[in-house]
Amino acid sequence: MGAFFCRRDAQGIERWWLEVTGKGNQTRLVPATDELIAELARYRRVNGLPPTPQPRETRPLVLPVIGRQNEEKALSRGALHLILKEVFGLAAERLRARGPEWEAQAAVLASASAHWLRHTAGSHMTDQQVDLRFVRDNFGHASIATTSGYLHSEEDARHAATQERHRIGWTSKT
């Protein structure tokens, strides 16, 4: 949790950041939103910790589910994968319980993974008009071309415009 740190921006507003080491052992800074920091504070309080991470804190970001919560042993990658799959599976079941019209969405959730979350976040950022350079830097992509794979909103708008305006005028009468 010590990878989180806070600094003031040019207007004097405190901004939280997370230092992440990714592929190729490359380190980058990722903005930690106010919403994320509020959820992190809640998570820390539930686990008997002060609300904000301390500098150089060695406690893992994801605490063990079983055993002593304050240990400095991280939840294993495999255990985290299983937990995510369980959460996605339960969410898929709840969708299926709504009726057969929810099956397609349920199937997506049932097959979701941590990597799917990453791609979903990237797509959401681009759909919300976050500058593609910022998305690239947040995700640690070397090339903007890689990041442009998350662009769906322009394609969606193009499809909608074509669908709406490019018509032959045929109608089906059955």
N, C-alpha and C. Protein backbone atom coordinates (compact mmCIF):
# COMPACT_ATOMS: atom_id res chain seq x y z
N MET A 1 0.82 -1.20 0.00
CA MET A 1 0.00 0.00 0.00
C MET A 1 0.86 1.25 0.00
N GLY A 2 2.12 1.08 0.27
CA GLY A 2 3.03 2.22 0.28
C GLY A 2 3.29 2.78 -1.11
N ALA A 3 2.79 2.12 -2.15
CA ALA A 3 2.96 2.63 -3.51
C ALA A 3 2.00 3.80 -3.79
N PHE A 4 1.03 4.04 -2.90
CA PHE A 4 0.17 5.21 -3.02
C PHE A 4 0.88 6.40 -2.39
N PHE A 5 0.76 7.54 -3.02
CA PHE A 5 1.29 8.76 -2.41
C PHE A 5 0.45 9.94 -2.85
N CYS A 6 0.53 11.00 -2.08
CA CYS A 6 -0.28 12.19 -2.33
C CYS A 6 0.65 13.38 -2.53
N ARG A 7 0.30 14.22 -3.49
CA ARG A 7 1.02 15.47 -3.68
C ARG A 7 0.04 16.52 -4.17
N ARG A 8 0.39 17.77 -3.96
CA ARG A 8 -0.48 18.88 -4.37
C ARG A 8 -0.22 19.22 -5.83
N ASP A 9 -1.33 19.54 -6.54
CA ASP A 9 -1.17 19.97 -7.92
C ASP A 9 -0.91 21.48 -7.96
N ALA A 10 -0.88 22.05 -9.15
CA ALA A 10 -0.55 23.46 -9.31
C ALA A 10 -1.57 24.38 -8.62
N GLN A 11 -2.81 23.90 -8.43
CA GLN A 11 -3.82 24.70 -7.74
C GLN A 11 -3.86 24.43 -6.23
N GLY A 12 -2.96 23.59 -5.75
CA GLY A 12 -2.91 23.29 -4.33
C GLY A 12 -3.83 22.16 -3.90
N ILE A 13 -4.44 21.47 -4.86
CA ILE A 13 -5.35 20.37 -4.54
C ILE A 13 -4.54 19.09 -4.36
N GLU A 14 -4.83 18.36 -3.29
CA GLU A 14 -4.13 17.09 -3.05
C GLU A 14 -4.61 16.05 -4.06
N ARG A 15 -3.67 15.44 -4.75
CA ARG A 15 -3.96 14.41 -5.73
C ARG A 15 -3.21 13.14 -5.34
N TRP A 16 -3.92 12.02 -5.36
CA TRP A 16 -3.32 10.74 -5.03
C TRP A 16 -2.85 10.04 -6.30
N TRP A 17 -1.76 9.33 -6.17
CA TRP A 17 -1.15 8.58 -7.27
C TRP A 17 -0.78 7.19 -6.78
N LEU A 18 -0.68 6.26 -7.72
CA LEU A 18 -0.22 4.91 -7.42
C LEU A 18 0.95 4.61 -8.34
N GLU A 19 2.06 4.22 -7.76
CA GLU A 19 3.23 3.83 -8.55
C GLU A 19 3.12 2.35 -8.86
N VAL A 20 3.11 2.02 -10.14
CA VAL A 20 2.89 0.66 -10.60
C VAL A 20 4.09 0.20 -11.41
N THR A 21 4.51 -1.04 -11.18
CA THR A 21 5.55 -1.64 -12.01
C THR A 21 4.89 -2.68 -12.90
N GLY A 22 5.05 -2.50 -14.22
CA GLY A 22 4.38 -3.37 -15.16
C GLY A 22 5.34 -4.19 -15.99
N LYS A 23 4.90 -4.52 -17.21
CA LYS A 23 5.71 -5.32 -18.12
C LYS A 23 7.08 -4.70 -18.32
N GLY A 24 8.06 -5.55 -18.46
CA GLY A 24 9.42 -5.08 -18.68
C GLY A 24 9.99 -4.33 -17.49
N ASN A 25 9.38 -4.56 -16.32
CA ASN A 25 9.83 -3.91 -15.09
C ASN A 25 9.78 -2.38 -15.19
N GLN A 26 8.86 -1.87 -16.01
CA GLN A 26 8.70 -0.43 -16.21
C GLN A 26 7.79 0.15 -15.13
N THR A 27 8.22 1.23 -14.53
CA THR A 27 7.44 1.89 -13.49
C THR A 27 6.70 3.07 -14.10
N ARG A 28 5.45 3.24 -13.68
CA ARG A 28 4.67 4.39 -14.13
C ARG A 28 3.78 4.86 -12.98
N LEU A 29 3.30 6.08 -13.10
CA LEU A 29 2.39 6.65 -12.12
C LEU A 29 0.99 6.64 -12.70
N VAL A 30 0.06 6.15 -11.90
CA VAL A 30 -1.34 6.08 -12.32
C VAL A 30 -2.16 6.95 -11.36
N PRO A 31 -2.99 7.84 -11.90
CA PRO A 31 -3.83 8.65 -11.02
C PRO A 31 -4.76 7.76 -10.19
N ALA A 32 -4.82 8.03 -8.90
CA ALA A 32 -5.76 7.34 -8.01
C ALA A 32 -6.89 8.34 -7.75
N THR A 33 -8.06 8.05 -8.29
CA THR A 33 -9.19 8.98 -8.19
C THR A 33 -9.66 9.13 -6.75
N ASP A 34 -10.37 10.21 -6.50
CA ASP A 34 -10.95 10.43 -5.17
C ASP A 34 -11.86 9.26 -4.79
N GLU A 35 -12.59 8.74 -5.76
CA GLU A 35 -13.48 7.60 -5.51
C GLU A 35 -12.67 6.38 -5.08
N LEU A 36 -11.57 6.11 -5.75
CA LEU A 36 -10.72 4.98 -5.39
C LEU A 36 -10.15 5.16 -3.99
N ILE A 37 -9.69 6.35 -3.69
CA ILE A 37 -9.09 6.61 -2.37
C ILE A 37 -10.14 6.47 -1.27
N ALA A 38 -11.38 6.89 -1.53
CA ALA A 38 -12.46 6.72 -0.54
C ALA A 38 -12.73 5.24 -0.30
N GLU A 39 -12.75 4.43 -1.37
CA GLU A 39 -12.96 2.99 -1.21
C GLU A 39 -11.78 2.33 -0.51
N LEU A 40 -10.58 2.78 -0.83
CA LEU A 40 -9.39 2.25 -0.16
C LEU A 40 -9.44 2.56 1.33
N ALA A 41 -9.86 3.77 1.69
CA ALA A 41 -9.98 4.15 3.10
C ALA A 41 -10.99 3.27 3.82
N ARG A 42 -12.11 2.99 3.15
CA ARG A 42 -13.13 2.12 3.74
C ARG A 42 -12.56 0.71 3.95
N TYR A 43 -11.88 0.19 2.94
CA TYR A 43 -11.25 -1.14 3.00
C TYR A 43 -10.23 -1.20 4.14
N ARG A 44 -9.43 -0.16 4.27
CA ARG A 44 -8.42 -0.13 5.32
C ARG A 44 -9.06 -0.08 6.71
N ARG A 45 -10.10 0.73 6.86
CA ARG A 45 -10.78 0.83 8.16
C ARG A 45 -11.37 -0.52 8.57
N VAL A 46 -12.01 -1.21 7.62
CA VAL A 46 -12.60 -2.52 7.90
C VAL A 46 -11.53 -3.48 8.39
N ASN A 47 -10.31 -3.31 7.92
CA ASN A 47 -9.21 -4.18 8.31
C ASN A 47 -8.38 -3.61 9.46
N GLY A 48 -8.95 -2.63 10.18
CA GLY A 48 -8.30 -2.10 11.37
C GLY A 48 -7.08 -1.23 11.08
N LEU A 49 -7.04 -0.62 9.93
CA LEU A 49 -5.91 0.21 9.54
C LEU A 49 -6.33 1.67 9.47
N PRO A 50 -5.37 2.59 9.58
CA PRO A 50 -5.72 3.99 9.37
C PRO A 50 -6.20 4.18 7.92
N PRO A 51 -7.03 5.19 7.68
CA PRO A 51 -7.66 5.32 6.36
C PRO A 51 -6.72 5.53 5.18
N THR A 52 -5.62 6.19 5.38
CA THR A 52 -4.73 6.46 4.24
C THR A 52 -3.43 5.67 4.36
N PRO A 53 -2.92 5.20 3.23
CA PRO A 53 -1.65 4.47 3.24
C PRO A 53 -0.51 5.38 3.70
N GLN A 54 0.44 4.77 4.35
CA GLN A 54 1.59 5.52 4.84
C GLN A 54 2.77 5.36 3.87
N PRO A 55 3.62 6.39 3.78
CA PRO A 55 4.80 6.26 2.91
C PRO A 55 5.63 5.04 3.29
N ARG A 56 6.08 4.33 2.30
CA ARG A 56 6.93 3.13 2.46
C ARG A 56 6.24 2.00 3.22
N GLU A 57 4.92 2.04 3.30
CA GLU A 57 4.16 0.96 3.94
C GLU A 57 4.34 -0.31 3.09
N THR A 58 4.71 -1.39 3.72
CA THR A 58 4.99 -2.63 2.98
C THR A 58 3.80 -3.58 2.95
N ARG A 59 2.72 -3.22 3.60
CA ARG A 59 1.52 -4.06 3.62
C ARG A 59 0.99 -4.20 2.20
N PRO A 60 0.59 -5.40 1.78
CA PRO A 60 0.09 -5.57 0.41
C PRO A 60 -1.24 -4.84 0.19
N LEU A 61 -1.49 -4.49 -1.05
CA LEU A 61 -2.73 -3.80 -1.39
C LEU A 61 -3.94 -4.70 -1.17
N VAL A 62 -3.83 -5.96 -1.57
CA VAL A 62 -4.92 -6.92 -1.35
C VAL A 62 -4.51 -7.82 -0.20
N LEU A 63 -5.21 -7.66 0.91
CA LEU A 63 -4.86 -8.39 2.12
C LEU A 63 -5.36 -9.83 2.05
N PRO A 64 -4.71 -10.73 2.81
CA PRO A 64 -5.17 -12.12 2.84
C PRO A 64 -6.63 -12.20 3.30
N VAL A 65 -7.36 -13.13 2.72
CA VAL A 65 -8.77 -13.30 3.08
C VAL A 65 -8.88 -14.11 4.36
N ILE A 66 -7.98 -15.07 4.53
CA ILE A 66 -7.99 -15.96 5.69
C ILE A 66 -6.73 -15.68 6.50
N GLY A 67 -6.87 -15.71 7.80
CA GLY A 67 -5.70 -15.51 8.65
C GLY A 67 -5.58 -14.07 9.10
N ARG A 68 -4.40 -13.72 9.51
CA ARG A 68 -4.16 -12.39 10.06
C ARG A 68 -4.14 -11.35 8.95
N GLN A 69 -5.02 -10.38 9.06
CA GLN A 69 -5.16 -9.34 8.03
C GLN A 69 -3.97 -8.39 7.98
N ASN A 70 -3.28 -8.21 9.08
CA ASN A 70 -2.22 -7.22 9.11
C ASN A 70 -0.86 -7.79 8.73
N GLU A 71 -0.82 -9.04 8.34
CA GLU A 71 0.44 -9.62 7.91
C GLU A 71 0.89 -8.95 6.62
N GLU A 72 2.16 -9.02 6.36
CA GLU A 72 2.69 -8.41 5.15
C GLU A 72 2.82 -9.41 4.02
N LYS A 73 1.96 -10.42 4.05
CA LYS A 73 1.97 -11.42 3.00
C LYS A 73 0.81 -11.13 2.05
N ALA A 74 1.13 -10.99 0.77
CA ALA A 74 0.12 -10.66 -0.23
C ALA A 74 -0.73 -11.87 -0.56
N LEU A 75 -1.95 -11.60 -0.98
CA LEU A 75 -2.82 -12.63 -1.52
C LEU A 75 -2.18 -13.11 -2.82
N SER A 76 -2.11 -14.40 -3.01
CA SER A 76 -1.44 -14.92 -4.21
C SER A 76 -2.22 -14.57 -5.46
N ARG A 77 -1.52 -14.54 -6.57
CA ARG A 77 -2.14 -14.24 -7.86
C ARG A 77 -3.25 -15.25 -8.17
N GLY A 78 -2.99 -16.52 -7.87
CA GLY A 78 -3.99 -17.57 -8.10
C GLY A 78 -5.22 -17.39 -7.24
N ALA A 79 -5.02 -17.02 -5.97
CA ALA A 79 -6.15 -16.81 -5.06
C ALA A 79 -6.99 -15.62 -5.52
N LEU A 80 -6.32 -14.56 -5.95
CA LEU A 80 -7.04 -13.39 -6.44
C LEU A 80 -7.85 -13.75 -7.70
N HIS A 81 -7.26 -14.55 -8.57
CA HIS A 81 -7.95 -15.01 -9.78
C HIS A 81 -9.22 -15.78 -9.39
N LEU A 82 -9.10 -16.69 -8.44
CA LEU A 82 -10.26 -17.48 -8.01
C LEU A 82 -11.35 -16.61 -7.40
N ILE A 83 -10.96 -15.62 -6.64
CA ILE A 83 -11.94 -14.72 -6.02
C ILE A 83 -12.68 -13.93 -7.10
N LEU A 84 -11.93 -13.40 -8.06
CA LEU A 84 -12.57 -12.65 -9.15
C LEU A 84 -13.52 -13.54 -9.93
N LYS A 85 -13.09 -14.76 -10.25
CA LYS A 85 -13.96 -15.68 -11.00
C LYS A 85 -15.24 -15.98 -10.21
N GLU A 86 -15.11 -16.12 -8.90
CA GLU A 86 -16.28 -16.37 -8.05
C GLU A 86 -17.23 -15.17 -8.09
N VAL A 87 -16.69 -13.97 -7.96
CA VAL A 87 -17.52 -12.76 -7.99
C VAL A 87 -18.22 -12.64 -9.35
N PHE A 88 -17.47 -12.83 -10.43
CA PHE A 88 -18.07 -12.75 -11.76
C PHE A 88 -19.13 -13.84 -11.95
N GLY A 89 -18.86 -15.03 -11.45
CA GLY A 89 -19.83 -16.12 -11.55
C GLY A 89 -21.12 -15.83 -10.81
N LEU A 90 -21.00 -15.28 -9.61
CA LEU A 90 -22.19 -14.92 -8.83
C LEU A 90 -22.98 -13.81 -9.50
N ALA A 91 -22.27 -12.84 -10.05
CA ALA A 91 -22.96 -11.75 -10.78
C ALA A 91 -23.68 -12.31 -12.00
N ALA A 92 -23.05 -13.24 -12.70
CA ALA A 92 -23.67 -13.86 -13.87
C ALA A 92 -24.95 -14.62 -13.47
N GLU A 93 -24.89 -15.33 -12.34
CA GLU A 93 -26.08 -16.04 -11.85
C GLU A 93 -27.22 -15.08 -11.56
N ARG A 94 -26.91 -13.94 -10.97
CA ARG A 94 -27.96 -12.95 -10.66
C ARG A 94 -28.59 -12.40 -11.94
N LEU A 95 -27.76 -12.20 -12.96
CA LEU A 95 -28.31 -11.75 -14.24
C LEU A 95 -29.21 -12.81 -14.86
N ARG A 96 -28.76 -14.04 -14.83
CA ARG A 96 -29.55 -15.14 -15.40
C ARG A 96 -30.89 -15.28 -14.68
N ALA A 97 -30.91 -14.98 -13.38
CA ALA A 97 -32.15 -15.08 -12.61
C ALA A 97 -33.17 -14.04 -13.05
N ARG A 98 -32.73 -12.99 -13.73
CA ARG A 98 -33.65 -11.96 -14.23
C ARG A 98 -34.44 -12.43 -15.43
N GLY A 99 -33.92 -13.45 -16.10
CA GLY A 99 -34.64 -13.96 -17.27
C GLY A 99 -33.71 -14.24 -18.42
N PRO A 100 -34.22 -14.97 -19.42
CA PRO A 100 -33.38 -15.39 -20.55
C PRO A 100 -32.82 -14.23 -21.38
N GLU A 101 -33.48 -13.08 -21.35
CA GLU A 101 -32.98 -11.93 -22.12
C GLU A 101 -31.65 -11.38 -21.58
N TRP A 102 -31.25 -11.85 -20.40
CA TRP A 102 -29.99 -11.41 -19.79
C TRP A 102 -28.85 -12.41 -20.03
N GLU A 103 -29.13 -13.46 -20.76
CA GLU A 103 -28.13 -14.52 -20.93
C GLU A 103 -26.84 -14.03 -21.59
N ALA A 104 -26.93 -13.20 -22.60
CA ALA A 104 -25.72 -12.73 -23.29
C ALA A 104 -24.82 -11.95 -22.33
N GLN A 105 -25.40 -11.06 -21.54
CA GLN A 105 -24.61 -10.29 -20.57
C GLN A 105 -24.05 -11.21 -19.49
N ALA A 106 -24.84 -12.19 -19.07
CA ALA A 106 -24.39 -13.14 -18.05
C ALA A 106 -23.20 -13.95 -18.56
N ALA A 107 -23.26 -14.34 -19.82
CA ALA A 107 -22.15 -15.12 -20.40
C ALA A 107 -20.86 -14.31 -20.43
N VAL A 108 -20.99 -13.01 -20.72
CA VAL A 108 -19.81 -12.14 -20.71
C VAL A 108 -19.20 -12.11 -19.31
N LEU A 109 -20.05 -11.90 -18.31
CA LEU A 109 -19.56 -11.85 -16.93
C LEU A 109 -18.97 -13.18 -16.49
N ALA A 110 -19.59 -14.27 -16.87
CA ALA A 110 -19.12 -15.59 -16.46
C ALA A 110 -17.72 -15.87 -17.01
N SER A 111 -17.38 -15.29 -18.14
CA SER A 111 -16.06 -15.53 -18.72
C SER A 111 -15.07 -14.42 -18.42
N ALA A 112 -15.47 -13.44 -17.61
CA ALA A 112 -14.62 -12.28 -17.32
C ALA A 112 -13.41 -12.66 -16.47
N SER A 113 -12.39 -11.80 -16.53
CA SER A 113 -11.14 -12.01 -15.80
C SER A 113 -10.57 -10.66 -15.41
N ALA A 114 -9.45 -10.66 -14.70
CA ALA A 114 -8.77 -9.41 -14.36
C ALA A 114 -8.35 -8.68 -15.63
N HIS A 115 -7.90 -9.41 -16.62
CA HIS A 115 -7.50 -8.78 -17.87
C HIS A 115 -8.70 -8.14 -18.58
N TRP A 116 -9.86 -8.79 -18.50
CA TRP A 116 -11.08 -8.23 -19.05
C TRP A 116 -11.40 -6.90 -18.35
N LEU A 117 -11.20 -6.85 -17.02
CA LEU A 117 -11.43 -5.60 -16.29
C LEU A 117 -10.53 -4.49 -16.81
N ARG A 118 -9.28 -4.82 -17.11
CA ARG A 118 -8.34 -3.84 -17.64
C ARG A 118 -8.85 -3.29 -18.97
N HIS A 119 -9.24 -4.17 -19.86
CA HIS A 119 -9.73 -3.72 -21.17
C HIS A 119 -11.04 -2.94 -21.04
N THR A 120 -11.89 -3.37 -20.14
CA THR A 120 -13.15 -2.66 -19.92
C THR A 120 -12.87 -1.25 -19.40
N ALA A 121 -11.92 -1.13 -18.49
CA ALA A 121 -11.55 0.19 -17.97
C ALA A 121 -11.01 1.08 -19.08
N GLY A 122 -10.16 0.53 -19.93
CA GLY A 122 -9.61 1.30 -21.05
C GLY A 122 -10.70 1.76 -22.00
N SER A 123 -11.62 0.86 -22.31
CA SER A 123 -12.73 1.22 -23.20
C SER A 123 -13.61 2.29 -22.57
N HIS A 124 -13.86 2.15 -21.27
CA HIS A 124 -14.70 3.13 -20.58
C HIS A 124 -14.03 4.50 -20.60
N MET A 125 -12.73 4.54 -20.35
CA MET A 125 -12.04 5.83 -20.37
C MET A 125 -12.14 6.50 -21.74
N THR A 126 -11.93 5.73 -22.79
CA THR A 126 -12.01 6.33 -24.13
C THR A 126 -13.44 6.72 -24.46
N ASP A 127 -14.42 5.94 -24.02
CA ASP A 127 -15.83 6.29 -24.25
C ASP A 127 -16.19 7.59 -23.53
N GLN A 128 -15.52 7.85 -22.42
CA GLN A 128 -15.77 9.07 -21.65
C GLN A 128 -14.90 10.24 -22.10
N GLN A 129 -14.27 10.06 -23.26
CA GLN A 129 -13.47 11.12 -23.89
C GLN A 129 -12.20 11.48 -23.12
N VAL A 130 -11.65 10.53 -22.33
CA VAL A 130 -10.35 10.76 -21.71
C VAL A 130 -9.32 10.80 -22.83
N ASP A 131 -8.45 11.78 -22.80
CA ASP A 131 -7.42 11.93 -23.82
C ASP A 131 -6.68 10.61 -24.00
N LEU A 132 -6.54 10.18 -25.24
CA LEU A 132 -5.92 8.89 -25.54
C LEU A 132 -4.48 8.82 -25.02
N ARG A 133 -3.79 9.93 -24.97
CA ARG A 133 -2.43 9.95 -24.42
C ARG A 133 -2.44 9.60 -22.94
N PHE A 134 -3.46 10.09 -22.23
CA PHE A 134 -3.56 9.81 -20.80
C PHE A 134 -3.86 8.33 -20.56
N VAL A 135 -4.76 7.78 -21.38
CA VAL A 135 -5.07 6.36 -21.27
C VAL A 135 -3.81 5.54 -21.55
N ARG A 136 -3.08 5.91 -22.60
CA ARG A 136 -1.82 5.23 -22.94
C ARG A 136 -0.88 5.24 -21.74
N ASP A 137 -0.70 6.40 -21.12
CA ASP A 137 0.23 6.50 -20.00
C ASP A 137 -0.27 5.74 -18.77
N ASN A 138 -1.57 5.78 -18.51
CA ASN A 138 -2.13 5.03 -17.38
C ASN A 138 -1.93 3.53 -17.55
N PHE A 139 -2.04 3.06 -18.78
CA PHE A 139 -1.93 1.63 -19.04
C PHE A 139 -0.51 1.18 -19.35
N GLY A 140 0.40 2.12 -19.48
CA GLY A 140 1.79 1.77 -19.71
C GLY A 140 2.07 1.26 -21.11
N HIS A 141 1.27 1.69 -22.07
CA HIS A 141 1.51 1.27 -23.45
C HIS A 141 2.66 2.08 -24.04
N ALA A 142 3.49 1.42 -24.81
CA ALA A 142 4.60 2.11 -25.48
C ALA A 142 4.10 2.93 -26.66
N SER A 143 3.02 2.48 -27.24
CA SER A 143 2.53 3.11 -28.47
C SER A 143 1.07 3.50 -28.33
N ILE A 144 0.73 4.65 -28.89
CA ILE A 144 -0.67 5.09 -28.91
C ILE A 144 -1.50 4.15 -29.78
N ALA A 145 -0.85 3.47 -30.70
CA ALA A 145 -1.56 2.52 -31.57
C ALA A 145 -2.16 1.38 -30.74
N THR A 146 -1.43 0.93 -29.72
CA THR A 146 -1.95 -0.12 -28.84
C THR A 146 -3.19 0.39 -28.10
N THR A 147 -3.09 1.60 -27.59
CA THR A 147 -4.19 2.19 -26.83
C THR A 147 -5.41 2.43 -27.70
N SER A 148 -5.20 2.74 -28.96
CA SER A 148 -6.34 3.04 -29.83
C SER A 148 -7.27 1.84 -30.00
N GLY A 149 -6.81 0.66 -29.61
CA GLY A 149 -7.67 -0.52 -29.62
C GLY A 149 -8.85 -0.39 -28.68
N TYR A 150 -8.76 0.55 -27.73
CA TYR A 150 -9.85 0.77 -26.79
C TYR A 150 -10.91 1.72 -27.34
N LEU A 151 -10.64 2.33 -28.47
CA LEU A 151 -11.58 3.29 -29.05
C LEU A 151 -12.78 2.57 -29.64
N HIS A 152 -13.90 2.73 -29.01
CA HIS A 152 -15.12 2.14 -29.54
C HIS A 152 -16.17 3.21 -29.79
N SER A 153 -16.10 4.31 -29.05
CA SER A 153 -17.15 5.31 -29.16
C SER A 153 -17.22 5.90 -30.56
N GLU A 154 -16.08 6.14 -31.20
CA GLU A 154 -16.11 6.67 -32.56
C GLU A 154 -16.68 5.65 -33.52
N GLU A 155 -16.30 4.39 -33.35
CA GLU A 155 -16.85 3.33 -34.20
C GLU A 155 -18.35 3.19 -33.97
N ASP A 156 -18.77 3.27 -32.71
CA ASP A 156 -20.20 3.17 -32.39
C ASP A 156 -20.96 4.32 -33.04
N ALA A 157 -20.43 5.54 -32.94
CA ALA A 157 -21.09 6.70 -33.53
C ALA A 157 -21.14 6.56 -35.05
N ARG A 158 -20.06 6.07 -35.65
CA ARG A 158 -20.01 5.88 -37.10
C ARG A 158 -21.09 4.87 -37.53
N HIS A 159 -21.19 3.77 -36.76
CA HIS A 159 -22.19 2.75 -37.09
C HIS A 159 -23.60 3.32 -36.96
N ALA A 160 -23.85 4.04 -35.87
CA ALA A 160 -25.18 4.60 -35.64
C ALA A 160 -25.55 5.58 -36.76
N ALA A 161 -24.60 6.42 -37.16
CA ALA A 161 -24.87 7.39 -38.22
C ALA A 161 -25.15 6.69 -39.55
N THR A 162 -24.37 5.67 -39.84
CA THR A 162 -24.57 4.92 -41.07
C THR A 162 -25.91 4.21 -41.05
N GLN A 163 -26.23 3.58 -39.93
CA GLN A 163 -27.50 2.87 -39.77
C GLN A 163 -28.67 3.82 -39.96
N GLU A 164 -28.56 5.02 -39.40
CA GLU A 164 -29.66 5.98 -39.43
C GLU A 164 -29.84 6.63 -40.81
N ARG A 165 -28.74 6.91 -41.48
CA ARG A 165 -28.82 7.74 -42.69
C ARG A 165 -28.58 7.01 -44.00
N HIS A 166 -28.02 5.84 -43.96
CA HIS A 166 -27.71 5.14 -45.20
C HIS A 166 -28.73 4.03 -45.40
N ARG A 167 -29.86 4.40 -45.99
CA ARG A 167 -30.96 3.45 -46.13
C ARG A 167 -31.42 3.39 -47.58
N ILE A 168 -31.88 2.25 -47.93
CA ILE A 168 -32.45 2.07 -49.26
C ILE A 168 -33.93 2.41 -49.23
N GLY A 169 -34.55 2.24 -48.11
CA GLY A 169 -35.96 2.56 -47.98
C GLY A 169 -36.87 1.35 -48.06
N TRP A 170 -36.28 0.19 -48.07
CA TRP A 170 -37.11 -1.01 -48.09
C TRP A 170 -37.68 -1.24 -46.70
N THR A 171 -38.84 -1.73 -46.66
CA THR A 171 -39.43 -2.14 -45.39
C THR A 171 -39.94 -3.55 -45.57
N SER A 172 -39.87 -4.30 -44.52
CA SER A 172 -40.37 -5.69 -44.63
C SER A 172 -41.81 -5.71 -44.17
N LYS A 173 -42.63 -6.29 -45.01
CA LYS A 173 -44.05 -6.43 -44.67
C LYS A 173 -44.34 -7.92 -44.65
N THR A 174 -44.53 -8.42 -43.47
CA THR A 174 -44.81 -9.86 -43.35
C THR A 174 -46.19 -10.09 -42.87
